[in-house]
Amino acid sequence: MIFLPSVSFSLRSKRSASCLLLGLSFLPLTALGIVDVHDEYYAAPEAATLSVVSVDFSGASGNDSRQSFSLEGHQLWRREDQTILLIGSYAKADSGGADTADNRFLHARYVRALTGRSGVEGFLQTQQDRFQKLDARHLLGVGYRFETLSPDRRRVLLGLGGFAERERFVDLATTETNYRANVYLTAEIPLSLANASTLSLSAYVQPKFSDPSDLRSIAMIKFETQLTQAFSMDLTVAFDNDSNPLSGVDAQNLRYSSGITYKFKK
């Protein structure tokens, strides 16, 4: 089995925690481009501008022929009591010459602080995932957020809000419009390891207002370890559930991904 070499090259001299993640990065990816919109929100809090680029890739030839690639970018602008966040991702994969992943994602969010611990937010999002039969999904939402920060730098963020979504599905002529609640809880926990590391936990629940039994949810855990001031490596595992999936689409998915992240701040 032959993997693309650039991942292993950048990690040969790192310590044990990094070596563990290196091994995990070669796991086959069941899905790519796992996106948590608060993934980098608290990174480098002293920076007015933050740019983050993550690349995940793997491949093999011979008896097992497959390739996968995903690219994800976060851009943050911070001004006193305001934050603007822009996220984009792209993922593509094939196995034996047949496509197994093809998705795109773009998210923009504006956050305005009301106090040191609370604020309001508005967001726009568009995405496509043809292997979930989603040809296009556009949404517009607003919400309220409350966060806490402990002396040991542990963060917890609670968000409450709602959004309107418009969806178009592959091979279906109709377009569907729904209104959903949006409840999320995220936590970031610093870890005392050889390298600076963090553990992040996130959960999102999105029931339809007109039918709360029509529920979408996702739970996610991410481990990230710092390699240098600019580079880090992460492992993300997520489980999502749709109580009312389209015919031929699984209601539940387990996703995992690992890759290198580059951060630029000023």
Protein backbone atom coordinates (compact mmCIF):
# COMPACT_ATOMS: atom_id res chain seq x y z
CA MET A 1 0.00 0.00 0.00
CA ILE A 2 1.56 3.32 -1.08
CA PHE A 3 0.45 6.55 0.57
CA LEU A 4 1.22 10.04 -0.63
CA PRO A 5 4.58 10.83 0.97
CA SER A 6 4.31 14.45 2.04
CA VAL A 7 2.41 13.78 5.28
CA SER A 8 5.02 11.44 6.70
CA PHE A 9 7.91 13.67 5.65
CA SER A 10 6.77 16.60 7.79
CA LEU A 11 6.48 14.51 10.96
CA ARG A 12 9.58 12.29 11.16
CA SER A 13 11.31 14.26 13.89
CA LYS A 14 8.31 14.81 16.17
CA ARG A 15 7.62 13.29 19.56
CA SER A 16 5.43 10.36 20.55
CA ALA A 17 2.08 12.15 20.50
CA SER A 18 2.76 13.33 16.95
CA CYS A 19 3.82 9.82 15.90
CA LEU A 20 0.55 8.42 17.17
CA LEU A 21 -1.40 10.90 15.08
CA LEU A 22 0.76 10.12 12.08
CA GLY A 23 -0.31 6.50 12.26
CA LEU A 24 -3.93 7.52 12.62
CA SER A 25 -3.69 9.83 9.64
CA PHE A 26 -3.26 6.79 7.36
CA LEU A 27 -6.61 5.32 8.36
CA PRO A 28 -9.04 5.12 5.43
CA LEU A 29 -11.50 7.99 5.41
CA THR A 30 -15.16 7.03 5.35
CA ALA A 31 -16.04 10.66 4.76
CA LEU A 32 -14.10 13.85 4.20
CA GLY A 33 -14.36 17.50 5.06
CA ILE A 34 -15.91 17.20 8.52
CA VAL A 35 -16.76 20.79 9.36
CA ASP A 36 -17.41 22.30 12.79
CA VAL A 37 -18.05 26.02 12.33
CA HIS A 38 -16.44 26.76 15.72
CA ASP A 39 -13.43 24.59 15.03
CA GLU A 40 -10.93 27.49 14.96
CA TYR A 41 -13.05 30.22 16.55
CA TYR A 42 -10.92 30.44 19.70
CA ALA A 43 -7.53 29.80 18.09
CA ALA A 44 -4.94 32.54 18.72
CA PRO A 45 -7.35 34.85 20.62
CA GLU A 46 -4.75 37.64 20.64
CA ALA A 47 -4.69 37.81 16.81
CA ALA A 48 -6.83 40.32 14.92
CA THR A 49 -6.64 38.18 11.77
CA LEU A 50 -6.28 34.41 11.60
CA SER A 51 -5.95 32.18 8.52
CA VAL A 52 -6.12 28.39 8.85
CA VAL A 53 -5.64 25.82 6.09
CA SER A 54 -6.12 22.06 6.59
CA VAL A 55 -5.25 19.40 4.03
CA ASP A 56 -6.19 15.72 4.35
CA PHE A 57 -5.10 13.21 1.73
CA SER A 58 -4.32 9.55 1.27
CA GLY A 59 -3.96 7.10 -1.57
CA ALA A 60 -2.99 3.59 -2.59
CA SER A 61 -2.20 1.66 -5.76
CA GLY A 62 -1.90 -2.00 -6.69
CA ASN A 63 -4.45 -4.40 -5.23
CA ASP A 64 -6.12 -1.51 -3.40
CA SER A 65 -6.58 1.45 -5.74
CA ARG A 66 -7.98 4.58 -4.11
CA GLN A 67 -7.34 8.26 -3.57
CA SER A 68 -8.92 10.86 -1.32
CA PHE A 69 -8.35 14.57 -0.88
CA SER A 70 -9.95 17.34 1.15
CA LEU A 71 -9.10 20.99 1.65
CA GLU A 72 -10.57 23.22 4.35
CA GLY A 73 -9.93 26.88 5.13
CA HIS A 74 -10.94 29.15 8.01
CA GLN A 75 -10.56 32.94 7.97
CA LEU A 76 -11.31 35.09 11.04
CA TRP A 77 -11.35 38.86 11.46
CA ARG A 78 -11.67 40.22 15.02
CA ARG A 79 -12.49 43.86 15.82
CA GLU A 80 -13.20 44.76 19.46
CA ASP A 81 -16.67 43.28 20.09
CA GLN A 82 -17.16 41.85 16.57
CA THR A 83 -15.95 38.69 14.82
CA ILE A 84 -16.39 37.67 11.19
CA LEU A 85 -15.79 34.03 10.30
CA LEU A 86 -15.56 32.50 6.82
CA ILE A 87 -15.16 28.74 6.25
CA GLY A 88 -14.82 26.84 2.99
CA SER A 89 -14.14 23.16 2.27
CA TYR A 90 -13.90 20.78 -0.67
CA ALA A 91 -13.59 16.98 -0.65
CA LYS A 92 -13.16 14.43 -3.42
CA ALA A 93 -12.46 10.68 -3.24
CA ASP A 94 -12.56 7.63 -5.48
CA SER A 95 -12.00 3.90 -5.05
CA GLY A 96 -11.29 1.57 -7.96
CA GLY A 97 -12.07 4.38 -10.41
CA ALA A 98 -15.52 5.08 -8.94
CA ASP A 99 -16.24 8.33 -7.09
CA THR A 100 -16.98 7.85 -3.38
CA ALA A 101 -17.08 11.47 -2.15
CA ASP A 102 -17.88 14.82 -3.75
CA ASN A 103 -18.86 17.67 -1.47
CA ARG A 104 -18.46 21.44 -1.11
CA PHE A 105 -19.20 23.74 1.81
CA LEU A 106 -19.16 27.52 2.41
CA HIS A 107 -20.16 29.22 5.66
CA ALA A 108 -20.07 32.89 6.75
CA ARG A 109 -20.84 34.02 10.31
CA TYR A 110 -21.00 37.41 12.05
CA VAL A 111 -20.81 37.54 15.86
CA ARG A 112 -21.35 40.66 17.98
CA ALA A 113 -20.62 40.53 21.70
CA LEU A 114 -23.29 41.95 24.04
CA THR A 115 -21.28 41.33 27.22
CA GLY A 116 -18.02 39.58 28.02
CA ARG A 117 -19.84 36.22 27.99
CA SER A 118 -22.79 36.57 25.61
CA GLY A 119 -23.52 37.73 22.08
CA VAL A 120 -25.73 37.48 19.01
CA GLU A 121 -24.86 35.98 15.64
CA GLY A 122 -26.09 35.71 12.08
CA PHE A 123 -24.92 33.24 9.46
CA LEU A 124 -25.21 32.16 5.82
CA GLN A 125 -24.34 28.74 4.45
CA THR A 126 -24.35 26.86 1.16
CA GLN A 127 -23.28 23.27 0.55
CA GLN A 128 -23.43 20.29 -1.79
CA ASP A 129 -22.96 16.57 -1.07
CA ARG A 130 -23.93 14.39 -4.01
CA PHE A 131 -23.37 11.13 -2.13
CA GLN A 132 -26.01 12.25 0.37
CA LYS A 133 -28.20 13.10 -2.68
CA LEU A 134 -27.92 16.78 -1.75
CA ASP A 135 -27.57 18.85 -4.91
CA ALA A 136 -27.76 22.19 -3.07
CA ARG A 137 -28.58 23.45 0.40
CA HIS A 138 -28.77 27.16 1.28
CA LEU A 139 -29.62 28.53 4.70
CA LEU A 140 -29.91 31.81 6.61
CA GLY A 141 -29.98 31.90 10.41
CA VAL A 142 -29.63 33.93 13.61
CA GLY A 143 -28.94 33.02 17.23
CA TYR A 144 -27.83 33.88 20.74
CA ARG A 145 -24.63 32.50 22.29
CA PHE A 146 -23.30 32.24 25.85
CA GLU A 147 -19.80 31.13 26.78
CA THR A 148 -17.67 30.49 29.85
CA LEU A 149 -13.89 30.40 30.34
CA SER A 150 -12.36 28.72 33.40
CA PRO A 151 -8.99 29.66 34.96
CA ASP A 152 -7.38 26.58 33.34
CA ARG A 153 -8.50 27.86 29.88
CA ARG A 154 -11.37 25.41 29.41
CA ARG A 155 -14.08 26.93 27.24
CA VAL A 156 -17.76 26.01 26.95
CA LEU A 157 -20.07 27.64 24.39
CA LEU A 158 -23.87 27.27 24.20
CA GLY A 159 -25.82 28.52 21.18
CA LEU A 160 -29.59 28.86 20.68
CA GLY A 161 -31.25 30.03 17.49
CA GLY A 162 -32.96 29.06 14.27
CA PHE A 163 -32.60 29.16 10.50
CA ALA A 164 -34.49 28.85 7.22
CA GLU A 165 -33.13 26.32 4.72
CA ARG A 166 -33.83 25.60 1.07
CA GLU A 167 -32.78 22.21 -0.31
CA ARG A 168 -32.63 20.68 -3.77
CA PHE A 169 -31.93 16.96 -4.15
CA VAL A 170 -30.20 14.92 -6.83
CA ASP A 171 -32.64 13.35 -9.35
CA LEU A 172 -35.64 15.09 -7.73
CA ALA A 173 -37.45 17.95 -9.46
CA THR A 174 -38.81 19.54 -6.27
CA THR A 175 -37.14 22.05 -3.93
CA GLU A 176 -37.93 21.92 -0.22
CA THR A 177 -38.01 24.83 2.27
CA ASN A 178 -37.89 24.20 6.02
CA TYR A 179 -37.47 26.16 9.25
CA ARG A 180 -35.38 24.59 12.00
CA ALA A 181 -34.19 25.33 15.51
CA ASN A 182 -30.42 25.31 16.01
CA VAL A 183 -28.99 24.27 19.38
CA TYR A 184 -25.28 23.61 19.84
CA LEU A 185 -22.80 23.02 22.64
CA THR A 186 -19.03 23.06 22.19
CA ALA A 187 -16.16 22.65 24.65
CA GLU A 188 -12.40 23.07 24.32
CA ILE A 189 -10.12 21.40 26.88
CA PRO A 190 -6.33 21.99 26.98
CA LEU A 191 -4.31 18.80 27.57
CA SER A 192 -1.02 18.45 29.45
CA LEU A 193 1.08 16.50 26.95
CA ALA A 194 4.62 16.76 25.57
CA ASN A 195 3.28 18.97 22.77
CA ALA A 196 0.64 21.67 23.27
CA SER A 197 -2.62 19.80 22.63
CA THR A 198 -6.36 20.34 22.93
CA LEU A 199 -9.47 18.16 22.97
CA SER A 200 -12.63 19.66 21.46
CA LEU A 201 -16.18 18.34 21.82
CA SER A 202 -19.18 19.57 19.83
CA ALA A 203 -22.85 18.63 19.53
CA TYR A 204 -25.50 20.15 17.24
CA VAL A 205 -29.25 19.45 17.25
CA GLN A 206 -31.58 20.86 14.55
CA PRO A 207 -35.27 19.88 14.85
CA LYS A 208 -37.86 21.18 12.40
CA PHE A 209 -40.19 23.75 14.02
CA SER A 210 -43.32 22.28 12.42
CA ASP A 211 -42.35 18.67 13.25
CA PRO A 212 -39.78 18.27 16.08
CA SER A 213 -39.51 14.54 15.34
CA ASP A 214 -37.79 15.51 12.07
CA LEU A 215 -34.41 15.91 13.72
CA ARG A 216 -30.83 16.26 12.51
CA SER A 217 -27.94 15.94 14.95
CA ILE A 218 -24.20 15.53 15.03
CA ALA A 219 -21.65 14.80 17.76
CA MET A 220 -17.97 15.44 17.13
CA ILE A 221 -14.67 15.00 18.96
CA LYS A 222 -11.34 16.43 17.82
CA PHE A 223 -7.81 15.96 19.15
CA GLU A 224 -5.19 18.47 17.98
CA THR A 225 -1.49 18.61 18.79
CA GLN A 226 0.92 21.43 17.96
CA LEU A 227 3.94 20.48 15.83
CA THR A 228 5.46 23.95 15.40
CA GLN A 229 4.20 27.50 15.91
CA ALA A 230 2.47 27.34 12.53
CA PHE A 231 1.73 23.64 11.98
CA SER A 232 -0.46 21.23 13.92
CA MET A 233 -2.02 17.84 13.31
CA ASP A 234 -5.53 16.74 14.16
CA LEU A 235 -7.79 13.70 14.35
CA THR A 236 -11.55 14.25 14.09
CA VAL A 237 -14.32 11.70 14.63
CA ALA A 238 -18.00 12.55 14.11
CA PHE A 239 -21.32 10.75 14.27
CA ASP A 240 -24.38 12.25 12.58
CA ASN A 241 -28.02 11.21 12.48
CA ASP A 242 -30.98 12.22 10.30
CA SER A 243 -34.35 10.98 11.56
CA ASN A 244 -35.97 11.47 8.15
CA PRO A 245 -33.41 10.66 5.42
CA LEU A 246 -34.13 10.37 1.72
CA SER A 247 -34.76 6.91 0.31
CA GLY A 248 -31.41 5.23 -0.33
CA VAL A 249 -29.49 7.46 2.11
CA ASP A 250 -28.34 6.04 5.45
CA ALA A 251 -29.83 7.69 8.54
CA GLN A 252 -26.55 7.47 10.46
CA ASN A 253 -22.94 8.09 9.47
CA LEU A 254 -19.65 7.65 11.28
CA ARG A 255 -16.94 9.89 9.89
CA TYR A 256 -13.27 10.27 10.72
CA SER A 257 -10.47 12.34 9.30
CA SER A 258 -6.90 13.39 10.07
CA GLY A 259 -4.53 15.88 8.52
CA ILE A 260 -2.10 18.77 8.84
CA THR A 261 -3.22 22.30 9.66
CA TYR A 262 -1.32 25.53 8.91
CA LYS A 263 -2.18 28.71 10.86
CA PHE A 264 -1.16 32.24 9.98
CA LYS A 265 -1.95 35.10 12.33
CA LYS A 266 -1.25 38.78 12.72
